[in-house]
């Protein structure tokens, strides 16, 4: 897998996942919505750590910086 996520993209995904966790912990979200958002938060965390988003491939999106060699 080639990295296609930059630092800001990863930070935003991680922050959104953290926000979902806080909303669930405080009881603001519950039920089906909590399950769906929780699964999305898990996907966000995984993609943040591996710096790869499979949904970017079909659209040709790449937010990582190109290194000049």
PDB file of N, CA and C in Angstrom:
ATOM      1  N   UNK A   1       0.834  -1.180   0.000  1.00  0.00           N
ATOM      2  CA  UNK A   1       0.000   0.000   0.000  1.00  0.00           C
ATOM      3  C   UNK A   1       0.876   1.239   0.000  1.00  0.00           C
ATOM      4  N   UNK A   2       0.588   2.107  -0.887  1.00  0.00           N
ATOM      5  CA  UNK A   2       1.307   3.361  -0.967  1.00  0.00           C
ATOM      6  C   UNK A   2       0.578   4.399  -0.099  1.00  0.00           C
ATOM      7  N   UNK A   3       1.331   5.128   0.692  1.00  0.00           N
ATOM      8  CA  UNK A   3       0.722   6.126   1.563  1.00  0.00           C
ATOM      9  C   UNK A   3       0.042   7.205   0.723  1.00  0.00           C
ATOM     10  N   UNK A   4      -1.192   7.545   1.106  1.00  0.00           N
ATOM     11  CA  UNK A   4      -1.904   8.590   0.387  1.00  0.00           C
ATOM     12  C   UNK A   4      -2.585   9.591   1.322  1.00  0.00           C
ATOM     13  N   UNK A   5      -2.156   9.614   2.584  1.00  0.00           N
ATOM     14  CA  UNK A   5      -2.713  10.550   3.550  1.00  0.00           C
ATOM     15  C   UNK A   5      -1.618  11.389   4.182  1.00  0.00           C
ATOM     16  N   UNK A   6      -1.846  12.687   4.246  1.00  0.00           N
ATOM     17  CA  UNK A   6      -0.907  13.603   4.865  1.00  0.00           C
ATOM     18  C   UNK A   6      -1.188  13.773   6.352  1.00  0.00           C
ATOM     19  N   UNK A   7      -0.342  14.551   7.000  1.00  0.00           N
ATOM     20  CA  UNK A   7      -0.439  14.756   8.446  1.00  0.00           C
ATOM     21  C   UNK A   7      -1.773  15.382   8.841  1.00  0.00           C
ATOM     22  N   UNK A   8      -2.191  16.430   8.153  1.00  0.00           N
ATOM     23  CA  UNK A   8      -3.432  17.116   8.510  1.00  0.00           C
ATOM     24  C   UNK A   8      -4.629  16.184   8.344  1.00  0.00           C
ATOM     25  N   UNK A   9      -4.654  15.425   7.284  1.00  0.00           N
ATOM     26  CA  UNK A   9      -5.720  14.462   7.036  1.00  0.00           C
ATOM     27  C   UNK A   9      -5.794  13.439   8.168  1.00  0.00           C
ATOM     28  N   UNK A  10      -4.648  12.914   8.576  1.00  0.00           N
ATOM     29  CA  UNK A  10      -4.604  11.943   9.664  1.00  0.00           C
ATOM     30  C   UNK A  10      -5.053  12.569  10.982  1.00  0.00           C
ATOM     31  N   UNK A  11      -4.629  13.806  11.230  1.00  0.00           N
ATOM     32  CA  UNK A  11      -4.983  14.480  12.478  1.00  0.00           C
ATOM     33  C   UNK A  11      -6.490  14.745  12.558  1.00  0.00           C
ATOM     34  N   UNK A  12      -7.091  15.141  11.451  1.00  0.00           N
ATOM     35  CA  UNK A  12      -8.537  15.394  11.431  1.00  0.00           C
ATOM     36  C   UNK A  12      -9.311  14.105  11.678  1.00  0.00           C
ATOM     37  N   UNK A  13      -8.892  13.018  11.029  1.00  0.00           N
ATOM     38  CA  UNK A  13      -9.558  11.735  11.232  1.00  0.00           C
ATOM     39  C   UNK A  13      -9.443  11.276  12.685  1.00  0.00           C
ATOM     40  N   UNK A  14      -8.257  11.425  13.260  1.00  0.00           N
ATOM     41  CA  UNK A  14      -8.051  11.013  14.643  1.00  0.00           C
ATOM     42  C   UNK A  14      -8.903  11.865  15.584  1.00  0.00           C
ATOM     43  N   UNK A  15      -8.980  13.173  15.325  1.00  0.00           N
ATOM     44  CA  UNK A  15      -9.772  14.070  16.162  1.00  0.00           C
ATOM     45  C   UNK A  15     -11.263  13.722  16.075  1.00  0.00           C
ATOM     46  N   UNK A  16     -11.743  13.396  14.884  1.00  0.00           N
ATOM     47  CA  UNK A  16     -13.150  13.015  14.732  1.00  0.00           C
ATOM     48  C   UNK A  16     -13.447  11.706  15.465  1.00  0.00           C
ATOM     49  N   UNK A  17     -12.523  10.771  15.394  1.00  0.00           N
ATOM     50  CA  UNK A  17     -12.699   9.503  16.111  1.00  0.00           C
ATOM     51  C   UNK A  17     -12.716   9.743  17.616  1.00  0.00           C
ATOM     52  N   UNK A  18     -11.862  10.608  18.083  1.00  0.00           N
ATOM     53  CA  UNK A  18     -11.827  10.948  19.501  1.00  0.00           C
ATOM     54  C   UNK A  18     -13.128  11.627  19.923  1.00  0.00           C
ATOM     55  N   UNK A  19     -13.641  12.503  19.087  1.00  0.00           N
ATOM     56  CA  UNK A  19     -14.906  13.187  19.369  1.00  0.00           C
ATOM     57  C   UNK A  19     -16.054  12.189  19.483  1.00  0.00           C
ATOM     58  N   UNK A  20     -16.105  11.220  18.591  1.00  0.00           N
ATOM     59  CA  UNK A  20     -17.143  10.191  18.656  1.00  0.00           C
ATOM     60  C   UNK A  20     -17.021   9.417  19.966  1.00  0.00           C
ATOM     61  N   UNK A  21     -15.802   9.085  20.357  1.00  0.00           N
ATOM     62  CA  UNK A  21     -15.591   8.383  21.619  1.00  0.00           C
ATOM     63  C   UNK A  21     -16.079   9.183  22.813  1.00  0.00           C
ATOM     64  N   UNK A  22     -15.792  10.459  22.825  1.00  0.00           N
ATOM     65  CA  UNK A  22     -16.227  11.326  23.928  1.00  0.00           C
ATOM     66  C   UNK A  22     -17.751  11.444  23.949  1.00  0.00           C
ATOM     67  N   UNK A  23     -18.359  11.606  22.769  1.00  0.00           N
ATOM     68  CA  UNK A  23     -19.822  11.712  22.703  1.00  0.00           C
ATOM     69  C   UNK A  23     -20.492  10.432  23.196  1.00  0.00           C
ATOM     70  N   UNK A  24     -19.907   9.289  22.880  1.00  0.00           N
ATOM     71  CA  UNK A  24     -20.459   8.023  23.354  1.00  0.00           C
ATOM     72  C   UNK A  24     -20.273   7.887  24.865  1.00  0.00           C
ATOM     73  N   UNK A  25     -19.086   8.212  25.343  1.00  0.00           N
ATOM     74  CA  UNK A  25     -18.785   8.076  26.770  1.00  0.00           C
ATOM     75  C   UNK A  25     -19.682   8.973  27.628  1.00  0.00           C
ATOM     76  N   UNK A  26     -19.996  10.172  27.127  1.00  0.00           N
ATOM     77  CA  UNK A  26     -20.829  11.105  27.876  1.00  0.00           C
ATOM     78  C   UNK A  26     -22.317  10.847  27.682  1.00  0.00           C
ATOM     79  N   UNK A  27     -22.673   9.910  26.815  1.00  0.00           N
ATOM     80  CA  UNK A  27     -24.075   9.555  26.626  1.00  0.00           C
ATOM     81  C   UNK A  27     -24.831  10.425  25.644  1.00  0.00           C
ATOM     82  N   UNK A  28     -24.138  11.259  24.907  1.00  0.00           N
ATOM     83  CA  UNK A  28     -24.799  12.121  23.935  1.00  0.00           C
ATOM     84  C   UNK A  28     -25.327  11.300  22.754  1.00  0.00           C
ATOM     85  N   UNK A  29     -24.574  10.282  22.345  1.00  0.00           N
ATOM     86  CA  UNK A  29     -25.040   9.396  21.283  1.00  0.00           C
ATOM     87  C   UNK A  29     -25.215   7.993  21.863  1.00  0.00           C
ATOM     88  N   UNK A  30     -26.212   7.289  21.349  1.00  0.00           N
ATOM     89  CA  UNK A  30     -26.452   5.924  21.818  1.00  0.00           C
ATOM     90  C   UNK A  30     -27.195   5.163  20.736  1.00  0.00           C
ATOM     91  N   UNK A  31     -27.386   3.881  20.973  1.00  0.00           N
ATOM     92  CA  UNK A  31     -28.142   3.046  20.052  1.00  0.00           C
ATOM     93  C   UNK A  31     -27.431   2.807  18.731  1.00  0.00           C
ATOM     94  N   UNK A  32     -28.231   2.742  17.676  1.00  0.00           N
ATOM     95  CA  UNK A  32     -27.711   2.452  16.341  1.00  0.00           C
ATOM     96  C   UNK A  32     -26.737   3.524  15.874  1.00  0.00           C
ATOM     97  N   UNK A  33     -27.035   4.771  16.162  1.00  0.00           N
ATOM     98  CA  UNK A  33     -26.140   5.863  15.761  1.00  0.00           C
ATOM     99  C   UNK A  33     -24.767   5.692  16.396  1.00  0.00           C
ATOM    100  N   UNK A  34     -24.735   5.307  17.648  1.00  0.00           N
ATOM    101  CA  UNK A  34     -23.458   5.103  18.343  1.00  0.00           C
ATOM    102  C   UNK A  34     -22.678   3.957  17.717  1.00  0.00           C
ATOM    103  N   UNK A  35     -23.366   2.902  17.320  1.00  0.00           N
ATOM    104  CA  UNK A  35     -22.689   1.763  16.701  1.00  0.00           C
ATOM    105  C   UNK A  35     -22.097   2.156  15.360  1.00  0.00           C
ATOM    106  N   UNK A  36     -22.885   2.841  14.538  1.00  0.00           N
ATOM    107  CA  UNK A  36     -22.418   3.254  13.204  1.00  0.00           C
ATOM    108  C   UNK A  36     -21.249   4.230  13.324  1.00  0.00           C
ATOM    109  N   UNK A  37     -21.388   5.229  14.180  1.00  0.00           N
ATOM    110  CA  UNK A  37     -20.308   6.205  14.352  1.00  0.00           C
ATOM    111  C   UNK A  37     -19.083   5.566  15.001  1.00  0.00           C
ATOM    112  N   UNK A  38     -19.299   4.607  15.880  1.00  0.00           N
ATOM    113  CA  UNK A  38     -18.180   3.894  16.501  1.00  0.00           C
ATOM    114  C   UNK A  38     -17.387   3.097  15.476  1.00  0.00           C
ATOM    115  N   UNK A  39     -18.080   2.408  14.580  1.00  0.00           N
ATOM    116  CA  UNK A  39     -17.397   1.670  13.516  1.00  0.00           C
ATOM    117  C   UNK A  39     -16.642   2.621  12.590  1.00  0.00           C
ATOM    118  N   UNK A  40     -17.253   3.740  12.268  1.00  0.00           N
ATOM    119  CA  UNK A  40     -16.575   4.739  11.438  1.00  0.00           C
ATOM    120  C   UNK A  40     -15.343   5.295  12.147  1.00  0.00           C
ATOM    121  N   UNK A  41     -15.450   5.505  13.442  1.00  0.00           N
ATOM    122  CA  UNK A  41     -14.308   5.998  14.219  1.00  0.00           C
ATOM    123  C   UNK A  41     -13.167   4.985  14.220  1.00  0.00           C
ATOM    124  N   UNK A  42     -13.503   3.700  14.309  1.00  0.00           N
ATOM    125  CA  UNK A  42     -12.468   2.664  14.263  1.00  0.00           C
ATOM    126  C   UNK A  42     -11.763   2.673  12.913  1.00  0.00           C
ATOM    127  N   UNK A  43     -12.533   2.803  11.843  1.00  0.00           N
ATOM    128  CA  UNK A  43     -11.941   2.876  10.498  1.00  0.00           C
ATOM    129  C   UNK A  43     -11.046   4.110  10.388  1.00  0.00           C
ATOM    130  N   UNK A  44     -11.487   5.232  10.921  1.00  0.00           N
ATOM    131  CA  UNK A  44     -10.676   6.457  10.889  1.00  0.00           C
ATOM    132  C   UNK A  44      -9.353   6.258  11.626  1.00  0.00           C
ATOM    133  N   UNK A  45      -9.389   5.610  12.765  1.00  0.00           N
ATOM    134  CA  UNK A  45      -8.160   5.397  13.537  1.00  0.00           C
ATOM    135  C   UNK A  45      -7.205   4.470  12.781  1.00  0.00           C
ATOM    136  N   UNK A  46      -7.752   3.389  12.232  1.00  0.00           N
ATOM    137  CA  UNK A  46      -6.904   2.449  11.479  1.00  0.00           C
ATOM    138  C   UNK A  46      -6.266   3.125  10.281  1.00  0.00           C
ATOM    139  N   UNK A  47      -7.062   3.864   9.500  1.00  0.00           N
ATOM    140  CA  UNK A  47      -6.506   4.521   8.314  1.00  0.00           C
ATOM    141  C   UNK A  47      -5.509   5.613   8.707  1.00  0.00           C
ATOM    142  N   UNK A  48      -5.707   6.234   9.860  1.00  0.00           N
ATOM    143  CA  UNK A  48      -4.746   7.243  10.322  1.00  0.00           C
ATOM    144  C   UNK A  48      -3.398   6.611  10.634  1.00  0.00           C
ATOM    145  N   UNK A  49      -3.424   5.455  11.267  1.00  0.00           N
ATOM    146  CA  UNK A  49      -2.174   4.802  11.639  1.00  0.00           C
ATOM    147  C   UNK A  49      -1.423   4.217  10.446  1.00  0.00           C
ATOM    148  N   UNK A  50      -2.152   3.723   9.453  1.00  0.00           N
ATOM    149  CA  UNK A  50      -1.471   3.126   8.299  1.00  0.00           C
ATOM    150  C   UNK A  50      -1.249   4.129   7.165  1.00  0.00           C
ATOM    151  N   UNK A  51      -1.763   5.348   7.312  1.00  0.00           N
ATOM    152  CA  UNK A  51      -1.598   6.436   6.327  1.00  0.00           C
ATOM    153  C   UNK A  51      -2.106   6.057   4.943  1.00  0.00           C
ATOM    154  N   UNK A  52      -3.148   5.260   4.912  1.00  0.00           N
ATOM    155  CA  UNK A  52      -3.698   4.824   3.635  1.00  0.00           C
ATOM    156  C   UNK A  52      -5.219   4.788   3.716  1.00  0.00           C
ATOM    157  N   UNK A  53      -5.880   5.397   2.739  1.00  0.00           N
ATOM    158  CA  UNK A  53      -7.332   5.379   2.660  1.00  0.00           C
ATOM    159  C   UNK A  53      -7.738   4.745   1.335  1.00  0.00           C
ATOM    160  N   UNK A  54      -8.377   3.575   1.375  1.00  0.00           N
ATOM    161  CA  UNK A  54      -8.763   2.905   0.138  1.00  0.00           C
ATOM    162  C   UNK A  54      -9.774   3.697  -0.687  1.00  0.00           C
ATOM    163  N   UNK A  55     -10.577   4.532  -0.050  1.00  0.00           N
ATOM    164  CA  UNK A  55     -11.559   5.315  -0.795  1.00  0.00           C
ATOM    165  C   UNK A  55     -10.918   6.430  -1.628  1.00  0.00           C
ATOM    166  N   UNK A  56      -9.685   6.776  -1.333  1.00  0.00           N
ATOM    167  CA  UNK A  56      -8.989   7.799  -2.115  1.00  0.00           C
ATOM    168  C   UNK A  56      -8.547   7.275  -3.484  1.00  0.00           C
ATOM    169  N   UNK A  57      -8.336   5.959  -3.590  1.00  0.00           N
ATOM    170  CA  UNK A  57      -7.817   5.375  -4.830  1.00  0.00           C
ATOM    171  C   UNK A  57      -8.688   5.648  -6.059  1.00  0.00           C
ATOM    172  N   UNK A  58      -9.996   5.358  -6.026  1.00  0.00           N
ATOM    173  CA  UNK A  58     -10.806   5.575  -7.234  1.00  0.00           C
ATOM    174  C   UNK A  58     -10.864   7.041  -7.676  1.00  0.00           C
ATOM    175  N   UNK A  59     -10.698   7.944  -6.724  1.00  0.00           N
ATOM    176  CA  UNK A  59     -10.770   9.370  -7.035  1.00  0.00           C
ATOM    177  C   UNK A  59      -9.408  10.007  -7.287  1.00  0.00           C
ATOM    178  N   UNK A  60      -8.354   9.246  -7.099  1.00  0.00           N
ATOM    179  CA  UNK A  60      -7.000   9.748  -7.326  1.00  0.00           C
ATOM    180  C   UNK A  60      -6.557  10.790  -6.319  1.00  0.00           C
ATOM    181  N   UNK A  61      -7.101  10.740  -5.116  1.00  0.00           N
ATOM    182  CA  UNK A  61      -6.768  11.718  -4.080  1.00  0.00           C
ATOM    183  C   UNK A  61      -5.505  11.270  -3.355  1.00  0.00           C
ATOM    184  N   UNK A  62      -4.606  12.205  -3.125  1.00  0.00           N
ATOM    185  CA  UNK A  62      -3.392  11.948  -2.367  1.00  0.00           C
ATOM    186  C   UNK A  62      -3.058  13.216  -1.590  1.00  0.00           C
ATOM    187  N   UNK A  63      -3.181  13.164  -0.267  1.00  0.00           N
ATOM    188  CA  UNK A  63      -2.915  14.340   0.551  1.00  0.00           C
ATOM    189  C   UNK A  63      -1.528  14.326   1.173  1.00  0.00           C
ATOM    190  N   UNK A  64      -0.752  13.289   0.892  1.00  0.00           N
ATOM    191  CA  UNK A  64       0.613  13.241   1.436  1.00  0.00           C
ATOM    192  C   UNK A  64       1.528  14.083   0.568  1.00  0.00           C
ATOM    193  N   UNK A  65       2.565  14.570   1.211  1.00  0.00           N
ATOM    194  CA  UNK A  65       3.544  15.394   0.484  1.00  0.00           C
ATOM    195  C   UNK A  65       4.425  14.525  -0.386  1.00  0.00           C
ATOM    196  N   UNK A  66       4.731  15.018  -1.541  1.00  0.00           N
ATOM    197  CA  UNK A  66       5.667  14.326  -2.426  1.00  0.00           C
ATOM    198  C   UNK A  66       7.070  14.719  -2.012  1.00  0.00           C
ATOM    199  N   UNK A  67       7.940  13.738  -1.852  1.00  0.00           N
ATOM    200  CA  UNK A  67       9.333  14.025  -1.506  1.00  0.00           C
ATOM    201  C   UNK A  67      10.144  14.140  -2.775  1.00  0.00           C
ATOM    202  N   UNK A  68      10.977  15.154  -2.805  1.00  0.00           N
ATOM    203  CA  UNK A  68      11.873  15.330  -3.953  1.00  0.00           C
ATOM    204  C   UNK A  68      13.166  14.573  -3.681  1.00  0.00           C
ATOM    205  N   UNK A  69      13.544  13.749  -4.635  1.00  0.00           N
ATOM    206  CA  UNK A  69      14.788  12.985  -4.454  1.00  0.00           C
ATOM    207  C   UNK A  69      15.789  13.351  -5.513  1.00  0.00           C
TER     208      UNK A  69
END
